[in-house]
Protein backbone atom coordinates (compact mmCIF):
# COMPACT_ATOMS: atom_id res chain seq x y z
CA MET A 1 -38.25 5.18 -25.82
CA ALA A 2 -38.66 4.76 -29.57
CA SER A 3 -39.57 7.71 -31.76
CA SER A 4 -39.32 8.62 -35.44
CA LEU A 5 -37.66 11.82 -34.30
CA PHE A 6 -34.56 9.93 -33.11
CA LEU A 7 -31.67 8.83 -35.32
CA PRO A 8 -30.19 5.44 -34.35
CA ALA A 9 -26.96 5.70 -32.34
CA ALA A 10 -24.75 4.09 -34.98
CA ALA A 11 -25.99 6.47 -37.66
CA ARG A 12 -25.52 9.44 -35.33
CA ARG A 13 -21.91 8.44 -34.76
CA ALA A 14 -21.30 8.02 -38.49
CA ALA A 15 -22.86 11.41 -39.25
CA GLY A 16 -20.78 13.05 -36.57
CA LEU A 17 -17.53 11.50 -37.82
CA LEU A 18 -18.29 12.54 -41.40
CA ALA A 19 -19.00 16.09 -40.28
CA CYS A 20 -15.72 16.12 -38.36
CA LEU A 21 -13.81 15.24 -41.56
CA LEU A 22 -15.64 17.84 -43.63
CA VAL A 23 -15.21 20.80 -41.30
CA ALA A 24 -12.02 20.06 -39.36
CA CYS A 25 -9.94 22.54 -41.32
CA GLY A 26 -12.52 25.30 -40.96
CA LEU A 27 -12.88 24.72 -37.22
CA LEU A 28 -9.13 24.84 -36.72
CA ALA A 29 -8.92 28.09 -38.64
CA CYS A 30 -11.68 29.64 -36.52
CA SER A 31 -10.06 28.52 -33.28
CA SER A 32 -6.87 30.40 -34.16
CA THR A 33 -8.69 33.73 -34.46
CA ARG A 34 -8.73 35.83 -31.30
CA VAL A 35 -11.52 38.38 -30.86
CA ASP A 36 -11.50 41.03 -28.14
CA THR A 37 -14.62 40.57 -26.01
CA SER A 38 -13.57 42.59 -22.98
CA GLY A 39 -15.97 45.14 -21.53
CA LEU A 40 -18.93 44.23 -23.73
CA ARG A 41 -22.47 45.10 -22.66
CA SER A 42 -25.79 44.46 -24.31
CA ASP A 43 -27.08 46.97 -26.85
CA ALA A 44 -29.85 48.52 -24.72
CA ALA A 45 -31.27 50.56 -27.61
CA ARG A 46 -31.68 47.43 -29.71
CA GLU A 47 -33.41 45.68 -26.81
CA ARG A 48 -35.83 48.61 -26.47
CA ARG A 49 -36.66 48.41 -30.18
CA TRP A 50 -37.43 44.70 -29.82
CA ALA A 51 -39.66 45.40 -26.81
CA ASP A 52 -41.48 48.22 -28.61
CA GLU A 53 -42.22 45.83 -31.46
CA ILE A 54 -43.16 42.75 -29.42
CA VAL A 55 -45.14 43.97 -26.43
CA PRO A 56 -48.02 45.81 -28.22
CA ALA A 57 -48.60 42.79 -30.48
CA LEU A 58 -48.40 40.14 -27.75
CA LEU A 59 -51.17 37.54 -28.10
CA VAL A 60 -50.11 34.91 -25.57
CA GLY A 61 -48.99 35.69 -22.05
CA GLU A 62 -47.85 39.00 -20.64
CA ALA A 63 -44.75 41.17 -20.63
CA VAL A 64 -42.83 41.32 -17.36
CA TRP A 65 -39.72 43.31 -16.55
CA LEU A 66 -36.98 41.52 -14.65
CA GLN A 67 -33.98 42.88 -12.79
CA ALA A 68 -30.59 41.19 -12.88
CA PRO A 69 -28.01 41.89 -10.15
CA GLY A 70 -25.90 45.03 -10.26
CA PRO A 71 -26.42 48.21 -12.29
CA GLN A 72 -27.96 46.47 -15.30
CA PRO A 73 -31.24 47.88 -16.64
CA LYS A 74 -34.39 45.78 -16.42
CA PHE A 75 -34.92 43.32 -19.26
CA LEU A 76 -38.02 41.93 -20.95
CA GLY A 77 -39.59 38.58 -20.18
CA LEU A 78 -42.67 37.02 -21.76
CA PHE A 79 -44.57 35.00 -19.15
CA ALA A 80 -47.39 32.57 -19.93
CA GLU A 81 -49.36 30.60 -17.36
CA PRO A 82 -50.22 26.98 -18.16
CA ALA A 83 -53.18 26.94 -20.54
CA ARG A 84 -56.64 26.48 -19.07
CA GLY A 85 -57.76 22.91 -19.48
CA ALA A 86 -54.17 21.64 -19.62
CA LYS A 87 -53.00 18.94 -17.27
CA ALA A 88 -52.00 19.98 -13.75
CA ALA A 89 -49.06 22.39 -13.91
CA ARG A 90 -45.90 20.43 -14.62
CA GLY A 91 -43.54 23.17 -13.53
CA ALA A 92 -41.98 26.13 -15.30
CA VAL A 93 -39.65 26.59 -18.27
CA VAL A 94 -37.13 29.39 -18.80
CA LEU A 95 -36.56 29.84 -22.54
CA VAL A 96 -33.33 31.33 -23.89
CA HIS A 97 -33.20 32.49 -27.52
CA GLY A 98 -30.25 32.55 -29.90
CA LEU A 99 -27.94 35.20 -31.29
CA GLY A 100 -29.22 38.73 -31.83
CA VAL A 101 -32.96 38.06 -31.72
CA ASN A 102 -35.76 38.30 -29.14
CA PRO A 103 -37.84 36.13 -26.78
CA ASP A 104 -40.76 35.76 -29.20
CA TYR A 105 -38.66 34.79 -32.22
CA GLY A 106 -38.40 31.53 -34.11
CA VAL A 107 -38.43 28.17 -32.37
CA ILE A 108 -38.22 29.76 -28.90
CA GLY A 109 -41.23 31.98 -29.65
CA SER A 110 -43.15 28.89 -30.73
CA LEU A 111 -42.07 26.79 -27.75
CA ARG A 112 -43.12 29.38 -25.20
CA THR A 113 -46.75 28.94 -26.32
CA ARG A 114 -46.63 25.22 -27.13
CA LEU A 115 -45.19 24.31 -23.73
CA ALA A 116 -47.77 26.52 -22.00
CA ASP A 117 -50.48 24.60 -23.87
CA ALA A 118 -48.85 21.40 -22.57
CA GLY A 119 -49.14 22.48 -18.94
CA TYR A 120 -45.92 24.38 -18.24
CA ALA A 121 -45.59 27.97 -17.16
CA THR A 122 -43.13 29.58 -19.57
CA LEU A 123 -40.84 32.57 -19.18
CA SER A 124 -39.02 33.53 -22.37
CA ILE A 125 -36.38 36.15 -21.64
CA GLN A 126 -34.57 38.78 -23.66
CA MET A 127 -30.91 37.83 -23.75
CA PRO A 128 -28.09 40.34 -24.21
CA VAL A 129 -27.53 41.35 -27.83
CA LEU A 130 -24.87 43.25 -29.72
CA ALA A 131 -25.44 45.69 -32.56
CA ALA A 132 -26.71 44.14 -35.79
CA GLY A 133 -23.84 42.76 -37.84
CA GLU A 134 -21.54 42.05 -34.89
CA PRO A 135 -19.86 38.65 -35.33
CA ALA A 136 -20.81 35.65 -33.20
CA GLU A 137 -17.22 35.46 -31.96
CA ARG A 138 -17.84 38.55 -29.82
CA TYR A 139 -20.88 37.16 -28.01
CA PRO A 140 -18.96 35.26 -25.30
CA GLY A 141 -18.17 38.68 -23.88
CA LEU A 142 -21.88 38.89 -22.99
CA PHE A 143 -22.01 35.51 -21.22
CA PRO A 144 -21.62 36.91 -17.67
CA GLU A 145 -24.53 39.30 -18.28
CA ALA A 146 -26.52 36.44 -19.82
CA SER A 147 -25.89 34.27 -16.76
CA ASP A 148 -27.19 37.04 -14.51
CA ARG A 149 -30.39 37.23 -16.56
CA ILE A 150 -30.99 33.49 -16.45
CA GLY A 151 -30.45 33.55 -12.69
CA ALA A 152 -32.89 36.44 -12.32
CA ALA A 153 -35.52 34.54 -14.35
CA VAL A 154 -35.12 31.45 -12.18
CA SER A 155 -35.45 33.55 -9.01
CA TRP A 156 -38.57 35.26 -10.39
CA LEU A 157 -40.24 31.91 -11.05
CA ARG A 158 -39.29 30.58 -7.63
CA ALA A 159 -40.85 33.67 -6.07
CA LYS A 160 -44.06 32.62 -7.85
CA LYS A 161 -43.79 29.23 -6.06
CA TYR A 162 -42.60 27.18 -9.05
CA ARG A 163 -40.16 24.57 -7.78
CA ARG A 164 -39.57 22.41 -10.86
CA ILE A 165 -37.82 24.70 -13.33
CA VAL A 166 -36.42 23.54 -16.67
CA LEU A 167 -34.03 25.49 -18.91
CA VAL A 168 -34.65 25.33 -22.69
CA SER A 169 -32.15 27.14 -24.91
CA HIS A 170 -31.29 27.43 -28.60
CA SER A 171 -28.05 28.01 -30.52
CA MET A 172 -26.03 30.85 -28.93
CA GLY A 173 -28.59 30.80 -26.12
CA ALA A 174 -27.54 27.21 -25.41
CA ARG A 175 -23.96 28.42 -24.99
CA MET A 176 -25.21 31.11 -22.61
CA ALA A 177 -27.18 28.52 -20.63
CA ASN A 178 -24.11 26.27 -20.52
CA HIS A 179 -22.08 29.17 -19.09
CA TYR A 180 -24.74 29.76 -16.44
CA LEU A 181 -24.93 26.10 -15.38
CA GLY A 182 -21.15 25.68 -15.37
CA ARG A 183 -20.74 28.57 -12.95
CA ASN A 184 -23.83 27.84 -10.85
CA PRO A 185 -23.63 24.12 -10.07
CA GLU A 186 -26.25 24.43 -7.33
CA ALA A 187 -28.76 26.33 -9.48
CA PRO A 188 -32.31 25.03 -8.86
CA ILE A 189 -32.70 23.63 -12.38
CA ALA A 190 -34.40 20.26 -12.90
CA ALA A 191 -33.17 19.67 -16.48
CA TRP A 192 -31.52 21.47 -19.39
CA VAL A 193 -32.63 21.14 -23.02
CA ALA A 194 -29.92 22.36 -25.41
CA LEU A 195 -31.20 22.85 -28.97
CA GLY A 196 -28.41 23.06 -31.55
CA ILE A 197 -25.69 24.39 -29.23
CA SER A 198 -23.85 26.56 -31.74
CA SER A 199 -20.31 25.88 -30.53
CA GLY A 200 -20.94 22.17 -30.98
CA GLU A 201 -19.51 21.40 -27.55
CA PHE A 202 -20.29 21.59 -23.86
CA GLU A 203 -18.06 23.63 -21.57
CA PRO A 204 -15.72 21.74 -19.23
CA GLY A 205 -17.51 20.85 -16.02
CA THR A 206 -20.92 20.51 -17.70
CA ALA A 207 -21.32 16.91 -16.48
CA GLY A 208 -23.02 17.71 -13.20
CA ARG A 209 -26.21 16.76 -11.42
CA VAL A 210 -28.67 18.14 -14.01
CA PRO A 211 -29.98 15.85 -16.79
CA ILE A 212 -29.08 17.26 -20.21
CA TYR A 213 -31.15 16.73 -23.36
CA ASP A 214 -28.96 17.46 -26.37
CA VAL A 215 -31.26 18.02 -29.38
CA TYR A 216 -29.89 18.79 -32.82
CA ALA A 217 -31.16 18.96 -36.38
CA GLU A 218 -30.45 16.57 -39.25
CA HIS A 219 -29.20 19.56 -41.28
CA ASP A 220 -27.68 21.49 -38.39
CA LEU A 221 -24.62 23.74 -38.48
CA PRO A 222 -21.34 21.90 -39.24
CA ALA A 223 -19.96 22.59 -35.76
CA VAL A 224 -23.10 21.19 -34.11
CA LEU A 225 -22.91 17.98 -36.16
CA ALA A 226 -19.16 17.62 -35.69
CA GLY A 227 -19.61 17.73 -31.92
CA VAL A 228 -22.24 14.98 -31.72
CA PRO A 229 -19.87 12.14 -30.67
CA GLU A 230 -18.09 14.19 -27.99
CA ARG A 231 -21.34 15.54 -26.57
CA ALA A 232 -22.63 11.96 -26.41
CA ARG A 233 -19.57 11.01 -24.36
CA VAL A 234 -20.28 13.88 -21.95
CA LEU A 235 -23.93 12.83 -21.64
CA SER A 236 -22.91 9.27 -20.81
CA ARG A 237 -21.56 10.63 -17.51
CA VAL A 238 -24.74 12.54 -16.64
CA PRO A 239 -27.54 10.31 -15.30
CA GLY A 240 -30.86 10.64 -17.10
CA SER A 241 -29.43 12.50 -20.09
CA ARG A 242 -30.32 11.83 -23.72
CA GLN A 243 -29.28 12.88 -27.22
CA ALA A 244 -31.81 13.14 -30.06
CA MET A 245 -31.93 14.35 -33.65
CA VAL A 246 -34.92 15.93 -35.40
CA TYR A 247 -35.29 14.56 -38.94
CA GLY A 248 -35.50 17.01 -41.83
CA ALA A 249 -34.80 20.05 -39.65
CA ASP A 250 -32.32 22.88 -40.13
CA HIS A 251 -30.48 24.68 -37.31
CA TYR A 252 -33.49 26.93 -36.69
CA PHE A 253 -35.98 24.02 -36.70
CA THR A 254 -37.97 25.88 -39.34
CA ARG A 255 -41.41 24.30 -39.82
CA LYS A 256 -40.41 21.65 -37.25
CA GLU A 257 -41.51 23.61 -34.17
CA LYS A 258 -44.37 21.21 -33.42
CA GLU A 259 -42.06 18.20 -33.53
CA VAL A 260 -39.53 19.93 -31.26
CA GLY A 261 -42.27 20.79 -28.76
CA THR A 262 -43.51 17.19 -28.75
CA LEU A 263 -39.97 15.88 -28.29
CA ILE A 264 -39.32 18.22 -25.35
CA GLU A 265 -42.57 17.10 -23.70
CA MET A 266 -41.53 13.48 -24.10
CA LEU A 267 -38.08 14.11 -22.66
CA LEU A 268 -39.40 16.05 -19.67
CA GLU A 269 -41.87 13.30 -18.86
CA ARG A 270 -39.08 10.77 -18.42
CA PRO A 271 -38.25 9.71 -14.85
CA GLY A 272 -35.64 11.94 -13.27
CA ALA A 273 -36.31 14.93 -15.54
C-alpha cells in the first residue's frame, strides 16, 4: 500500500542506524541509572484538576467515569459515538495519552474526534500521572495501574456490545499499552497502534497474536528513531503488522494530526486488522 506518509524501508534502516550511532552513549548512560518506582500511585489531585478543566468545556462526546479493579478511585474517560452520517460503525478505539497529560490533549485529543468522524466509537481515558516535574524514569511504577485502566476501558466498551476494539497509544502511553498487552495475551484487542513509543523498544513477549502498527515521526525522539530497526524485526514476526513514518512530524505530531488520523484509518482498513 503506497503512501507519501511512508518512508522507504532502506531509508528507514539507514535513519535508524544513524540514530543509533548518535545516541548510543546517551542511551547507555540512561540505562545505568536506577530510579525507585516502588509503591507509586497516580496523583489523584492532579487528575481531578484535569477533569475540572476538561469536562465543562467538552464539545465532542461525553464524560464517563470508569472503575478499575481494586481500591482505585474512578477515572475519567471521554466517549464519542461514531459521527452521524459516517459509515457503519467500524468498531471502537481505546486511546491512551502520553506522559503527564490528559485524554483530550494533543494528538490523542485530536484522534478521538477524527476517528469518531471516520466511523469508530472512541474512548479516550485518563492515564495515571505523577506530580508535575516528576521524571519519566519514574513512570514505569505506574504501569500496573495503567494496565488496570486499559482493561477497564476495554470491558466498558464490550459491555456496550463493541466487539472489534483497537488500542491507539502515544509516547509513554504506548509503553503503558505495551505493558498491558504483554501481561494480557488474551485481551480482546483487534490491533494496536503505537505512536512514537518513547522507550524506542517493545517489551519482550510483544510478538503475539495482535497486529501492531508502529508509527513514528521523521523528527521523533532519539530513542524512538534508534529503535526503528529492532522494532521492525519484532514486527516481522507478527502477522499483519506494519511500520510507517510520518514525514515532517515531531514526536507530538504537531500540525500533523490529520495525516496521523488518515494513516490510522488506512492501517485499520487492511485485512486482518
